[in-house]
Amino acid sequence: MGLEDITRRIRAAEAAAGREPGAVTLIAVSKVQPPDRVEAVLAAGHTVFGENYVQEAQAKWPAWTARHPGVSVHMIGPLQSNKARAAVALFDAIHSLDRVTLARKLAQQIDEQGRSPQLFVQVNTGDEPQKAGILVDELPGFLTLCAELGLRPQGLMCIPPEDGDPAPHFALLARLAADHGLPGLSMGMSADFETAIAHGATHVRVGSAIFGARDYG
């Protein structure tokens, strides 16, 4: 495992799906990883990273991005509405736009700061009550609200249920994105990114398979 191996597998999955090389963006999920591991991936030339926590990202990424021009940081975890200001200032993309209150806060901050991160709407494809995300039936209305607020989502994101085949969820998300003219599909993680690529993923989120197991101690 490692960056080189994951990149090779992504290129192979693109080819198997008949897609152009480089069609898929690898988000290296660096949350709770030791600095030396992240710095090694930066040194290898990788430029797209994902974080789950605003406070953690604030503590480490400004210094790294200053030293590595062209690096982008994506928010891939749940985003509290009261962190919208910091998120708009820090992140180049937010993959977890998942409710009306957050949409309003992000619209306000984008207007105030004059900075527009890419936005992905998180869809609860499994209709799981414990999981964040817009329900499938509510997606058209939510996208209409986003447009009214001046938000222009780039795509959709999902996290399939842990138990079961992720492929139907990836297929559903791809169909929803196509129906609404959204080009981005943020789906697929370490265990299933090749399946996601086969269903059209444009962004895959891979962490421990690149950096090694996380130490939460």
N, C-alpha and C. Protein backbone atom coordinates (compact mmCIF):
# COMPACT_ATOMS: atom_id res chain seq x y z
N MET A 1 0.83 -1.19 0.00
CA MET A 1 0.00 0.00 0.00
C MET A 1 0.87 1.25 0.00
N GLY A 2 0.27 2.39 -0.27
CA GLY A 2 0.98 3.65 -0.33
C GLY A 2 0.49 4.46 -1.51
N LEU A 3 0.99 5.67 -1.61
CA LEU A 3 0.52 6.58 -2.66
C LEU A 3 0.73 6.00 -4.05
N GLU A 4 1.90 5.46 -4.29
CA GLU A 4 2.19 4.93 -5.63
C GLU A 4 1.25 3.79 -5.99
N ASP A 5 1.00 2.88 -5.05
CA ASP A 5 0.12 1.75 -5.31
C ASP A 5 -1.32 2.21 -5.54
N ILE A 6 -1.80 3.13 -4.72
CA ILE A 6 -3.18 3.60 -4.89
C ILE A 6 -3.33 4.33 -6.22
N THR A 7 -2.35 5.14 -6.58
CA THR A 7 -2.41 5.85 -7.86
C THR A 7 -2.44 4.87 -9.02
N ARG A 8 -1.62 3.82 -8.93
CA ARG A 8 -1.61 2.81 -9.99
C ARG A 8 -2.97 2.14 -10.11
N ARG A 9 -3.59 1.81 -8.98
CA ARG A 9 -4.90 1.16 -9.01
C ARG A 9 -5.97 2.09 -9.56
N ILE A 10 -5.87 3.36 -9.26
CA ILE A 10 -6.83 4.32 -9.82
C ILE A 10 -6.70 4.39 -11.34
N ARG A 11 -5.45 4.47 -11.83
CA ARG A 11 -5.25 4.52 -13.28
C ARG A 11 -5.78 3.24 -13.94
N ALA A 12 -5.58 2.09 -13.30
CA ALA A 12 -6.08 0.84 -13.86
C ALA A 12 -7.60 0.82 -13.87
N ALA A 13 -8.22 1.32 -12.81
CA ALA A 13 -9.69 1.36 -12.76
C ALA A 13 -10.25 2.31 -13.80
N GLU A 14 -9.57 3.44 -14.01
CA GLU A 14 -10.00 4.36 -15.07
C GLU A 14 -9.97 3.66 -16.43
N ALA A 15 -8.88 2.97 -16.70
CA ALA A 15 -8.74 2.28 -17.98
C ALA A 15 -9.81 1.20 -18.14
N ALA A 16 -10.05 0.44 -17.07
CA ALA A 16 -11.05 -0.63 -17.14
C ALA A 16 -12.45 -0.08 -17.41
N ALA A 17 -12.70 1.15 -16.94
CA ALA A 17 -14.01 1.77 -17.13
C ALA A 17 -14.08 2.57 -18.43
N GLY A 18 -13.00 2.56 -19.20
CA GLY A 18 -12.99 3.31 -20.45
C GLY A 18 -12.91 4.81 -20.26
N ARG A 19 -12.32 5.22 -19.15
CA ARG A 19 -12.22 6.64 -18.85
C ARG A 19 -10.80 7.15 -19.09
N GLU A 20 -10.69 8.46 -19.29
CA GLU A 20 -9.39 9.05 -19.57
C GLU A 20 -8.48 8.99 -18.35
N PRO A 21 -7.18 8.78 -18.55
CA PRO A 21 -6.25 8.85 -17.42
C PRO A 21 -6.32 10.22 -16.75
N GLY A 22 -6.39 10.22 -15.44
CA GLY A 22 -6.50 11.47 -14.72
C GLY A 22 -7.91 11.98 -14.54
N ALA A 23 -8.90 11.19 -14.96
CA ALA A 23 -10.29 11.61 -14.80
C ALA A 23 -10.72 11.65 -13.34
N VAL A 24 -10.02 10.90 -12.50
CA VAL A 24 -10.38 10.78 -11.09
C VAL A 24 -9.35 11.51 -10.23
N THR A 25 -9.84 12.34 -9.33
CA THR A 25 -8.97 13.04 -8.38
C THR A 25 -8.86 12.23 -7.10
N LEU A 26 -7.65 11.94 -6.69
CA LEU A 26 -7.41 11.23 -5.43
C LEU A 26 -7.30 12.24 -4.30
N ILE A 27 -8.21 12.15 -3.34
CA ILE A 27 -8.13 12.95 -2.12
C ILE A 27 -7.45 12.11 -1.06
N ALA A 28 -6.24 12.50 -0.69
CA ALA A 28 -5.49 11.78 0.34
C ALA A 28 -5.98 12.27 1.71
N VAL A 29 -6.66 11.40 2.43
CA VAL A 29 -7.31 11.79 3.68
C VAL A 29 -6.28 11.77 4.80
N SER A 30 -5.90 12.97 5.22
CA SER A 30 -4.77 13.12 6.14
C SER A 30 -5.19 13.36 7.58
N LYS A 31 -6.45 13.20 7.89
CA LYS A 31 -6.91 13.45 9.27
C LYS A 31 -6.17 12.53 10.25
N VAL A 32 -5.81 13.06 11.38
CA VAL A 32 -5.18 12.32 12.48
C VAL A 32 -3.95 11.54 12.02
N GLN A 33 -3.25 12.07 11.05
CA GLN A 33 -2.01 11.41 10.60
C GLN A 33 -0.80 12.21 11.12
N PRO A 34 0.26 11.53 11.52
CA PRO A 34 1.46 12.23 11.98
C PRO A 34 2.02 13.14 10.89
N PRO A 35 2.56 14.28 11.26
CA PRO A 35 3.07 15.22 10.26
C PRO A 35 4.08 14.62 9.29
N ASP A 36 4.94 13.73 9.78
CA ASP A 36 5.97 13.20 8.88
C ASP A 36 5.37 12.39 7.74
N ARG A 37 4.26 11.71 8.01
CA ARG A 37 3.61 10.93 6.95
C ARG A 37 3.00 11.87 5.90
N VAL A 38 2.35 12.93 6.37
CA VAL A 38 1.74 13.88 5.43
C VAL A 38 2.83 14.58 4.62
N GLU A 39 3.90 14.94 5.29
CA GLU A 39 5.00 15.63 4.60
C GLU A 39 5.63 14.73 3.54
N ALA A 40 5.67 13.44 3.79
CA ALA A 40 6.23 12.51 2.80
C ALA A 40 5.36 12.48 1.54
N VAL A 41 4.04 12.51 1.72
CA VAL A 41 3.13 12.51 0.57
C VAL A 41 3.20 13.84 -0.16
N LEU A 42 3.32 14.94 0.58
CA LEU A 42 3.53 16.24 -0.05
C LEU A 42 4.83 16.24 -0.86
N ALA A 43 5.87 15.68 -0.29
CA ALA A 43 7.17 15.65 -0.97
C ALA A 43 7.12 14.81 -2.24
N ALA A 44 6.21 13.82 -2.26
CA ALA A 44 6.05 12.98 -3.45
C ALA A 44 5.30 13.70 -4.57
N GLY A 45 4.80 14.89 -4.26
CA GLY A 45 4.14 15.69 -5.29
C GLY A 45 2.64 15.63 -5.30
N HIS A 46 2.04 14.94 -4.32
CA HIS A 46 0.58 14.90 -4.29
C HIS A 46 0.04 16.25 -3.82
N THR A 47 -1.10 16.66 -4.39
CA THR A 47 -1.57 18.03 -4.14
C THR A 47 -2.98 18.15 -3.58
N VAL A 48 -3.71 17.05 -3.40
CA VAL A 48 -5.10 17.14 -2.94
C VAL A 48 -5.26 16.30 -1.67
N PHE A 49 -5.68 16.96 -0.60
CA PHE A 49 -5.78 16.31 0.70
C PHE A 49 -7.17 16.54 1.30
N GLY A 50 -7.58 15.62 2.17
CA GLY A 50 -8.89 15.72 2.80
C GLY A 50 -8.79 15.72 4.31
N GLU A 51 -9.62 16.53 4.93
CA GLU A 51 -9.67 16.61 6.39
C GLU A 51 -11.12 16.50 6.86
N ASN A 52 -11.27 15.99 8.11
CA ASN A 52 -12.60 15.83 8.69
C ASN A 52 -12.94 16.87 9.74
N TYR A 53 -11.93 17.55 10.26
CA TYR A 53 -12.16 18.45 11.39
C TYR A 53 -11.56 19.82 11.10
N VAL A 54 -12.37 20.86 11.25
CA VAL A 54 -11.92 22.21 10.95
C VAL A 54 -10.75 22.61 11.83
N GLN A 55 -10.87 22.36 13.13
CA GLN A 55 -9.83 22.80 14.05
C GLN A 55 -8.49 22.13 13.75
N GLU A 56 -8.51 20.84 13.46
CA GLU A 56 -7.27 20.14 13.13
C GLU A 56 -6.66 20.72 11.86
N ALA A 57 -7.49 20.96 10.85
CA ALA A 57 -6.98 21.49 9.59
C ALA A 57 -6.40 22.89 9.77
N GLN A 58 -7.05 23.70 10.60
CA GLN A 58 -6.55 25.05 10.86
C GLN A 58 -5.16 25.03 11.49
N ALA A 59 -4.91 24.01 12.30
CA ALA A 59 -3.65 23.95 13.04
C ALA A 59 -2.46 23.55 12.17
N LYS A 60 -2.73 22.90 11.05
CA LYS A 60 -1.58 22.36 10.31
C LYS A 60 -1.49 22.81 8.85
N TRP A 61 -2.62 23.06 8.18
CA TRP A 61 -2.53 23.26 6.74
C TRP A 61 -2.06 24.63 6.29
N PRO A 62 -2.33 25.73 6.97
CA PRO A 62 -1.80 27.01 6.49
C PRO A 62 -0.29 27.00 6.29
N ALA A 63 0.44 26.39 7.20
CA ALA A 63 1.90 26.33 7.05
C ALA A 63 2.30 25.45 5.87
N TRP A 64 1.64 24.31 5.72
CA TRP A 64 1.98 23.41 4.62
C TRP A 64 1.65 24.02 3.27
N THR A 65 0.47 24.63 3.15
CA THR A 65 0.10 25.21 1.86
C THR A 65 1.00 26.39 1.51
N ALA A 66 1.50 27.09 2.51
CA ALA A 66 2.44 28.18 2.24
C ALA A 66 3.73 27.65 1.63
N ARG A 67 4.14 26.46 2.06
CA ARG A 67 5.39 25.88 1.55
C ARG A 67 5.18 25.07 0.27
N HIS A 68 3.94 24.72 -0.01
CA HIS A 68 3.64 23.88 -1.19
C HIS A 68 2.54 24.53 -2.02
N PRO A 69 2.88 25.53 -2.82
CA PRO A 69 1.87 26.19 -3.67
C PRO A 69 1.18 25.17 -4.58
N GLY A 70 -0.11 25.36 -4.76
CA GLY A 70 -0.87 24.46 -5.61
C GLY A 70 -1.56 23.34 -4.87
N VAL A 71 -1.27 23.17 -3.58
CA VAL A 71 -1.95 22.15 -2.78
C VAL A 71 -3.35 22.64 -2.42
N SER A 72 -4.32 21.75 -2.50
CA SER A 72 -5.68 22.08 -2.11
C SER A 72 -6.14 21.15 -0.99
N VAL A 73 -6.96 21.69 -0.10
CA VAL A 73 -7.45 20.94 1.06
C VAL A 73 -8.97 20.90 1.00
N HIS A 74 -9.52 19.69 1.12
CA HIS A 74 -10.96 19.48 1.01
C HIS A 74 -11.53 19.07 2.36
N MET A 75 -12.67 19.65 2.71
CA MET A 75 -13.41 19.25 3.91
C MET A 75 -14.32 18.09 3.53
N ILE A 76 -14.08 16.93 4.13
CA ILE A 76 -14.86 15.76 3.76
C ILE A 76 -15.71 15.22 4.90
N GLY A 77 -15.56 15.81 6.11
CA GLY A 77 -16.32 15.34 7.26
C GLY A 77 -17.51 16.24 7.54
N PRO A 78 -18.31 15.87 8.52
CA PRO A 78 -19.47 16.71 8.90
C PRO A 78 -19.00 18.10 9.29
N LEU A 79 -19.76 19.09 8.85
CA LEU A 79 -19.39 20.48 9.11
C LEU A 79 -20.46 21.15 9.96
N GLN A 80 -20.06 21.60 11.14
CA GLN A 80 -20.98 22.34 12.00
C GLN A 80 -21.23 23.72 11.41
N SER A 81 -22.47 24.19 11.54
CA SER A 81 -22.81 25.49 10.96
C SER A 81 -21.97 26.61 11.55
N ASN A 82 -21.61 26.48 12.84
CA ASN A 82 -20.83 27.55 13.46
C ASN A 82 -19.37 27.55 13.02
N LYS A 83 -18.98 26.57 12.20
CA LYS A 83 -17.63 26.54 11.65
C LYS A 83 -17.62 26.95 10.17
N ALA A 84 -18.75 27.45 9.69
CA ALA A 84 -18.84 27.80 8.27
C ALA A 84 -17.84 28.88 7.88
N ARG A 85 -17.69 29.90 8.74
CA ARG A 85 -16.75 30.97 8.42
C ARG A 85 -15.33 30.43 8.23
N ALA A 86 -14.88 29.62 9.18
CA ALA A 86 -13.53 29.06 9.09
C ALA A 86 -13.41 28.12 7.89
N ALA A 87 -14.44 27.37 7.62
CA ALA A 87 -14.38 26.41 6.51
C ALA A 87 -14.26 27.11 5.17
N VAL A 88 -15.02 28.17 4.97
CA VAL A 88 -14.94 28.91 3.71
C VAL A 88 -13.56 29.53 3.55
N ALA A 89 -12.98 30.02 4.63
CA ALA A 89 -11.66 30.65 4.58
C ALA A 89 -10.55 29.65 4.29
N LEU A 90 -10.71 28.41 4.75
CA LEU A 90 -9.61 27.44 4.73
C LEU A 90 -9.67 26.46 3.58
N PHE A 91 -10.85 25.94 3.28
CA PHE A 91 -10.95 24.80 2.36
C PHE A 91 -11.19 25.24 0.92
N ASP A 92 -10.65 24.44 0.01
CA ASP A 92 -10.87 24.66 -1.42
C ASP A 92 -12.10 23.92 -1.92
N ALA A 93 -12.58 22.96 -1.15
CA ALA A 93 -13.81 22.23 -1.48
C ALA A 93 -14.43 21.73 -0.19
N ILE A 94 -15.76 21.70 -0.17
CA ILE A 94 -16.52 21.18 0.96
C ILE A 94 -17.45 20.10 0.42
N HIS A 95 -17.24 18.86 0.88
CA HIS A 95 -17.96 17.71 0.33
C HIS A 95 -19.18 17.34 1.17
N SER A 96 -19.46 18.08 2.22
CA SER A 96 -20.50 17.65 3.18
C SER A 96 -21.57 18.71 3.39
N LEU A 97 -22.02 19.31 2.29
CA LEU A 97 -23.17 20.22 2.35
C LEU A 97 -24.42 19.34 2.48
N ASP A 98 -24.99 19.32 3.68
CA ASP A 98 -25.98 18.26 3.97
C ASP A 98 -27.28 18.76 4.61
N ARG A 99 -27.49 20.08 4.68
CA ARG A 99 -28.74 20.55 5.31
C ARG A 99 -28.94 22.03 5.00
N VAL A 100 -30.17 22.46 5.21
CA VAL A 100 -30.56 23.81 4.85
C VAL A 100 -29.81 24.84 5.68
N THR A 101 -29.69 24.62 6.99
CA THR A 101 -29.03 25.61 7.84
C THR A 101 -27.58 25.82 7.41
N LEU A 102 -26.90 24.76 7.04
CA LEU A 102 -25.52 24.88 6.59
C LEU A 102 -25.46 25.62 5.25
N ALA A 103 -26.39 25.34 4.37
CA ALA A 103 -26.41 26.04 3.08
C ALA A 103 -26.53 27.55 3.29
N ARG A 104 -27.40 27.95 4.20
CA ARG A 104 -27.57 29.39 4.47
C ARG A 104 -26.30 30.00 5.04
N LYS A 105 -25.66 29.31 5.96
CA LYS A 105 -24.43 29.82 6.57
C LYS A 105 -23.30 29.92 5.54
N LEU A 106 -23.17 28.90 4.70
CA LEU A 106 -22.12 28.93 3.69
C LEU A 106 -22.36 30.04 2.68
N ALA A 107 -23.62 30.23 2.28
CA ALA A 107 -23.94 31.30 1.34
C ALA A 107 -23.56 32.65 1.92
N GLN A 108 -23.85 32.85 3.20
CA GLN A 108 -23.51 34.11 3.86
C GLN A 108 -22.01 34.33 3.88
N GLN A 109 -21.26 33.28 4.23
CA GLN A 109 -19.81 33.42 4.33
C GLN A 109 -19.14 33.57 2.96
N ILE A 110 -19.65 32.89 1.98
CA ILE A 110 -19.11 33.03 0.62
C ILE A 110 -19.31 34.45 0.13
N ASP A 111 -20.46 35.01 0.43
CA ASP A 111 -20.74 36.39 0.04
C ASP A 111 -19.82 37.36 0.79
N GLU A 112 -19.67 37.15 2.09
CA GLU A 112 -18.86 38.07 2.90
C GLU A 112 -17.38 37.98 2.57
N GLN A 113 -16.89 36.77 2.34
CA GLN A 113 -15.45 36.58 2.14
C GLN A 113 -15.03 36.69 0.69
N GLY A 114 -15.99 36.60 -0.21
CA GLY A 114 -15.63 36.63 -1.62
C GLY A 114 -14.80 35.44 -2.06
N ARG A 115 -14.99 34.32 -1.39
CA ARG A 115 -14.23 33.10 -1.68
C ARG A 115 -15.23 31.97 -1.85
N SER A 116 -15.08 31.18 -2.90
CA SER A 116 -16.09 30.18 -3.22
C SER A 116 -15.48 28.79 -3.33
N PRO A 117 -15.43 28.04 -2.24
CA PRO A 117 -14.97 26.65 -2.34
C PRO A 117 -15.93 25.85 -3.23
N GLN A 118 -15.42 24.83 -3.88
CA GLN A 118 -16.29 23.89 -4.57
C GLN A 118 -17.20 23.23 -3.53
N LEU A 119 -18.44 22.99 -3.90
CA LEU A 119 -19.40 22.40 -2.98
C LEU A 119 -19.96 21.10 -3.56
N PHE A 120 -20.03 20.09 -2.70
CA PHE A 120 -20.68 18.83 -3.04
C PHE A 120 -21.81 18.60 -2.04
N VAL A 121 -22.97 18.25 -2.54
CA VAL A 121 -24.12 17.97 -1.67
C VAL A 121 -24.06 16.51 -1.24
N GLN A 122 -24.05 16.29 0.06
CA GLN A 122 -24.04 14.91 0.56
C GLN A 122 -25.45 14.35 0.52
N VAL A 123 -25.59 13.19 -0.11
CA VAL A 123 -26.89 12.54 -0.27
C VAL A 123 -26.91 11.26 0.57
N ASN A 124 -27.95 11.09 1.34
CA ASN A 124 -28.13 9.90 2.18
C ASN A 124 -28.79 8.82 1.33
N THR A 125 -27.98 8.15 0.49
CA THR A 125 -28.52 7.20 -0.48
C THR A 125 -29.16 5.98 0.18
N GLY A 126 -28.73 5.68 1.41
CA GLY A 126 -29.28 4.51 2.10
C GLY A 126 -30.44 4.85 3.01
N ASP A 127 -30.86 6.11 3.04
CA ASP A 127 -31.96 6.55 3.90
C ASP A 127 -31.73 6.08 5.34
N GLU A 128 -30.50 6.30 5.82
CA GLU A 128 -30.11 5.86 7.16
C GLU A 128 -30.39 6.98 8.17
N PRO A 129 -31.21 6.72 9.17
CA PRO A 129 -31.58 7.80 10.10
C PRO A 129 -30.42 8.37 10.89
N GLN A 130 -29.37 7.57 11.10
CA GLN A 130 -28.23 8.03 11.89
C GLN A 130 -27.20 8.77 11.05
N LYS A 131 -27.39 8.84 9.75
CA LYS A 131 -26.38 9.40 8.87
C LYS A 131 -26.83 10.73 8.31
N ALA A 132 -25.87 11.66 8.17
CA ALA A 132 -26.16 12.97 7.58
C ALA A 132 -26.41 12.83 6.09
N GLY A 133 -26.97 13.87 5.53
CA GLY A 133 -27.17 13.88 4.08
C GLY A 133 -28.60 14.20 3.71
N ILE A 134 -28.77 14.74 2.52
CA ILE A 134 -30.08 15.05 1.98
C ILE A 134 -30.72 13.75 1.48
N LEU A 135 -31.97 13.53 1.84
CA LEU A 135 -32.67 12.35 1.34
C LEU A 135 -32.90 12.48 -0.16
N VAL A 136 -32.93 11.35 -0.83
CA VAL A 136 -33.04 11.36 -2.29
C VAL A 136 -34.26 12.16 -2.76
N ASP A 137 -35.41 11.94 -2.12
CA ASP A 137 -36.63 12.63 -2.54
C ASP A 137 -36.57 14.13 -2.29
N GLU A 138 -35.70 14.55 -1.38
CA GLU A 138 -35.61 15.97 -1.04
C GLU A 138 -34.53 16.70 -1.82
N LEU A 139 -33.77 15.97 -2.63
CA LEU A 139 -32.65 16.58 -3.35
C LEU A 139 -33.08 17.68 -4.32
N PRO A 140 -34.11 17.48 -5.15
CA PRO A 140 -34.49 18.56 -6.07
C PRO A 140 -34.81 19.87 -5.36
N GLY A 141 -35.58 19.79 -4.27
CA GLY A 141 -35.92 20.99 -3.53
C GLY A 141 -34.70 21.64 -2.90
N PHE A 142 -33.78 20.81 -2.42
CA PHE A 142 -32.57 21.36 -1.79
C PHE A 142 -31.70 22.06 -2.83
N LEU A 143 -31.57 21.49 -4.00
CA LEU A 143 -30.78 22.13 -5.05
C LEU A 143 -31.42 23.44 -5.51
N THR A 144 -32.74 23.48 -5.52
CA THR A 144 -33.44 24.72 -5.84
C THR A 144 -33.13 25.79 -4.81
N LEU A 145 -33.15 25.40 -3.53
CA LEU A 145 -32.81 26.34 -2.46
C LEU A 145 -31.37 26.83 -2.62
N CYS A 146 -30.45 25.94 -2.92
CA CYS A 146 -29.06 26.34 -3.12
C CYS A 146 -28.96 27.40 -4.21
N ALA A 147 -29.66 27.19 -5.30
CA ALA A 147 -29.63 28.17 -6.40
C ALA A 147 -30.18 29.51 -5.95
N GLU A 148 -31.25 29.49 -5.15
CA GLU A 148 -31.84 30.73 -4.65
C GLU A 148 -30.87 31.47 -3.74
N LEU A 149 -30.01 30.73 -3.04
CA LEU A 149 -29.01 31.32 -2.15
C LEU A 149 -27.75 31.75 -2.89
N GLY A 150 -27.68 31.44 -4.16
CA GLY A 150 -26.49 31.77 -4.94
C GLY A 150 -25.41 30.72 -4.88
N LEU A 151 -25.71 29.57 -4.32
CA LEU A 151 -24.74 28.47 -4.26
C LEU A 151 -24.81 27.65 -5.55
N ARG A 152 -23.66 27.21 -6.00
CA ARG A 152 -23.59 26.43 -7.23
C ARG A 152 -22.81 25.14 -6.96
N PRO A 153 -23.47 24.13 -6.41
CA PRO A 153 -22.75 22.87 -6.14
C PRO A 153 -22.13 22.29 -7.40
N GLN A 154 -20.94 21.73 -7.22
CA GLN A 154 -20.24 21.09 -8.32
C GLN A 154 -20.65 19.65 -8.52
N GLY A 155 -21.21 19.04 -7.47
CA GLY A 155 -21.54 17.64 -7.58
C GLY A 155 -22.19 17.11 -6.32
N LEU A 156 -22.23 15.77 -6.24
CA LEU A 156 -22.86 15.07 -5.13
C LEU A 156 -21.83 14.16 -4.45
N MET A 157 -22.09 13.88 -3.19
CA MET A 157 -21.24 12.97 -2.40
C MET A 157 -22.12 11.97 -1.68
N CYS A 158 -21.61 10.75 -1.49
CA CYS A 158 -22.33 9.80 -0.65
C CYS A 158 -21.34 8.90 0.08
N ILE A 159 -21.83 8.36 1.19
CA ILE A 159 -21.13 7.32 1.95
C ILE A 159 -22.12 6.16 2.07
N PRO A 160 -21.95 5.10 1.29
CA PRO A 160 -22.90 4.00 1.33
C PRO A 160 -22.96 3.34 2.70
N PRO A 161 -24.06 2.62 3.00
CA PRO A 161 -24.12 1.87 4.25
C PRO A 161 -22.93 0.93 4.39
N GLU A 162 -22.47 0.76 5.62
CA GLU A 162 -21.28 -0.07 5.84
C GLU A 162 -21.49 -1.52 5.44
N ASP A 163 -22.67 -2.05 5.68
CA ASP A 163 -22.96 -3.44 5.35
C ASP A 163 -23.71 -3.49 4.02
N GLY A 164 -23.17 -4.22 3.08
CA GLY A 164 -23.87 -4.35 1.80
C GLY A 164 -23.03 -3.86 0.64
N ASP A 165 -23.55 -4.06 -0.53
CA ASP A 165 -22.87 -3.73 -1.77
C ASP A 165 -22.96 -2.22 -2.02
N PRO A 166 -21.83 -1.54 -2.17
CA PRO A 166 -21.90 -0.10 -2.41
C PRO A 166 -22.30 0.26 -3.84
N ALA A 167 -22.20 -0.68 -4.76
CA ALA A 167 -22.42 -0.37 -6.17
C ALA A 167 -23.78 0.27 -6.45
N PRO A 168 -24.91 -0.24 -5.88
CA PRO A 168 -26.19 0.41 -6.16
C PRO A 168 -26.24 1.85 -5.68
N HIS A 169 -25.53 2.16 -4.61
CA HIS A 169 -25.51 3.53 -4.10
C HIS A 169 -24.70 4.43 -5.02
N PHE A 170 -23.58 3.91 -5.53
CA PHE A 170 -22.80 4.69 -6.48
C PHE A 170 -23.59 4.92 -7.77
N ALA A 171 -24.30 3.89 -8.22
CA ALA A 171 -25.10 4.04 -9.43
C ALA A 171 -26.22 5.06 -9.23
N LEU A 172 -26.84 5.01 -8.06
CA LEU A 172 -27.90 5.97 -7.75
C LEU A 172 -27.36 7.39 -7.74
N LEU A 173 -26.22 7.60 -7.09
CA LEU A 173 -25.66 8.94 -7.01
C LEU A 173 -25.30 9.45 -8.41
N ALA A 174 -24.74 8.58 -9.24
CA ALA A 174 -24.40 8.99 -10.60
C ALA A 174 -25.64 9.38 -11.39
N ARG A 175 -26.71 8.64 -11.21
CA ARG A 175 -27.96 8.96 -11.91
C ARG A 175 -28.53 10.29 -11.43
N LEU A 176 -28.49 10.52 -10.11
CA LEU A 176 -28.99 11.79 -9.57
C LEU A 176 -28.17 12.96 -10.09
N ALA A 177 -26.85 12.80 -10.11
CA ALA A 177 -25.99 13.88 -10.61
C ALA A 177 -26.29 14.18 -12.08
N ALA A 178 -26.45 13.14 -12.87
CA ALA A 178 -26.76 13.34 -14.29
C ALA A 178 -28.10 14.03 -14.47
N ASP A 179 -29.08 13.63 -13.66
CA ASP A 179 -30.42 14.24 -13.76
C ASP A 179 -30.39 15.73 -13.49
N HIS A 180 -29.46 16.15 -12.63
CA HIS A 180 -29.41 17.56 -12.24
C HIS A 180 -28.25 18.32 -12.87
N GLY A 181 -27.57 17.69 -13.84
CA GLY A 181 -26.52 18.38 -14.56
C GLY A 181 -25.30 18.72 -13.71
N LEU A 182 -25.00 17.86 -12.74
CA LEU A 182 -23.86 18.09 -11.86
C LEU A 182 -22.70 17.19 -12.27
N PRO A 183 -21.54 17.75 -12.56
CA PRO A 183 -20.45 16.93 -13.10
C PRO A 183 -19.66 16.14 -12.06
N GLY A 184 -19.69 16.55 -10.79
CA GLY A 184 -18.84 15.94 -9.79
C GLY A 184 -19.50 14.79 -9.04
N LEU A 185 -18.72 13.75 -8.78
CA LEU A 185 -19.20 12.61 -7.99
C LEU A 185 -18.11 12.24 -6.99
N SER A 186 -18.31 12.62 -5.74
CA SER A 186 -17.36 12.31 -4.67
C SER A 186 -17.84 11.05 -3.98
N MET A 187 -17.23 9.93 -4.32
CA MET A 187 -17.69 8.64 -3.78
C MET A 187 -16.57 7.63 -3.93
N GLY A 188 -16.51 6.75 -2.95
CA GLY A 188 -15.49 5.72 -2.95
C GLY A 188 -14.39 6.02 -1.96
N MET A 189 -14.09 5.01 -1.12
CA MET A 189 -13.03 5.12 -0.13
C MET A 189 -12.09 3.93 -0.29
N SER A 190 -11.25 3.69 0.69
CA SER A 190 -10.18 2.69 0.54
C SER A 190 -10.70 1.32 0.08
N ALA A 191 -11.84 0.90 0.63
CA ALA A 191 -12.32 -0.46 0.36
C ALA A 191 -13.09 -0.59 -0.95
N ASP A 192 -13.54 0.54 -1.53
CA ASP A 192 -14.45 0.41 -2.67
C ASP A 192 -14.21 1.44 -3.76
N PHE A 193 -13.05 2.10 -3.77
CA PHE A 193 -12.87 3.19 -4.74
C PHE A 193 -12.87 2.70 -6.18
N GLU A 194 -12.41 1.48 -6.42
CA GLU A 194 -12.41 0.97 -7.79
C GLU A 194 -13.83 0.75 -8.30
N THR A 195 -14.72 0.28 -7.43
CA THR A 195 -16.14 0.17 -7.79
C THR A 195 -16.73 1.54 -8.07
N ALA A 196 -16.37 2.52 -7.24
CA ALA A 196 -16.86 3.88 -7.44
C ALA A 196 -16.40 4.45 -8.78
N ILE A 197 -15.15 4.19 -9.13
CA ILE A 197 -14.63 4.68 -10.41
C ILE A 197 -15.39 4.06 -11.57
N ALA A 198 -15.72 2.79 -11.45
CA ALA A 198 -16.49 2.12 -12.50
C ALA A 198 -17.85 2.76 -12.69
N HIS A 199 -18.37 3.42 -11.64
CA HIS A 199 -19.68 4.08 -11.72
C HIS A 199 -19.56 5.59 -11.92
N GLY A 200 -18.37 6.06 -12.23
CA GLY A 200 -18.24 7.46 -12.62
C GLY A 200 -17.67 8.41 -11.60
N ALA A 201 -17.12 7.92 -10.49
CA ALA A 201 -16.56 8.81 -9.48
C ALA A 201 -15.54 9.77 -10.10
N THR A 202 -15.61 11.02 -9.70
CA THR A 202 -14.60 12.00 -10.10
C THR A 202 -13.62 12.28 -8.97
N HIS A 203 -14.03 12.00 -7.73
CA HIS A 203 -13.18 12.19 -6.55
C HIS A 203 -13.32 10.96 -5.66
N VAL A 204 -12.20 10.37 -5.27
CA VAL A 204 -12.22 9.26 -4.32
C VAL A 204 -11.40 9.67 -3.10
N ARG A 205 -11.81 9.16 -1.93
CA ARG A 205 -11.25 9.58 -0.66
C ARG A 205 -10.54 8.40 -0.01
N VAL A 206 -9.21 8.44 0.02
CA VAL A 206 -8.42 7.31 0.51
C VAL A 206 -7.45 7.82 1.58
N GLY A 207 -7.46 7.18 2.74
CA GLY A 207 -6.62 7.63 3.84
C GLY A 207 -5.56 6.63 4.27
N SER A 208 -5.95 5.67 5.12
CA SER A 208 -4.97 4.77 5.72
C SER A 208 -4.24 3.92 4.69
N ALA A 209 -4.86 3.65 3.55
CA ALA A 209 -4.18 2.87 2.51
C ALA A 209 -3.01 3.64 1.91
N ILE A 210 -3.00 4.96 2.08
CA ILE A 210 -1.88 5.79 1.64
C ILE A 210 -0.90 6.03 2.76
N PHE A 211 -1.42 6.46 3.91
CA PHE A 211 -0.58 6.93 5.01
C PHE A 211 -0.22 5.86 6.03
N GLY A 212 -1.01 4.80 6.10
CA GLY A 212 -0.87 3.83 7.17
C GLY A 212 -1.97 4.03 8.20
N ALA A 213 -2.08 3.09 9.11
CA ALA A 213 -3.15 3.13 10.12
C ALA A 213 -3.04 4.39 10.97
N ARG A 214 -4.20 4.96 11.31
CA ARG A 214 -4.23 6.17 12.13
C ARG A 214 -4.01 5.81 13.59
N ASP A 215 -3.39 6.73 14.29
CA ASP A 215 -3.16 6.57 15.72
C ASP A 215 -4.02 7.61 16.45
N TYR A 216 -5.12 7.15 17.07
CA TYR A 216 -6.03 8.06 17.75
C TYR A 216 -5.66 8.24 19.22
N GLY A 217 -4.55 7.62 19.62
CA GLY A 217 -4.15 7.71 21.02
C GLY A 217 -3.75 9.10 21.42
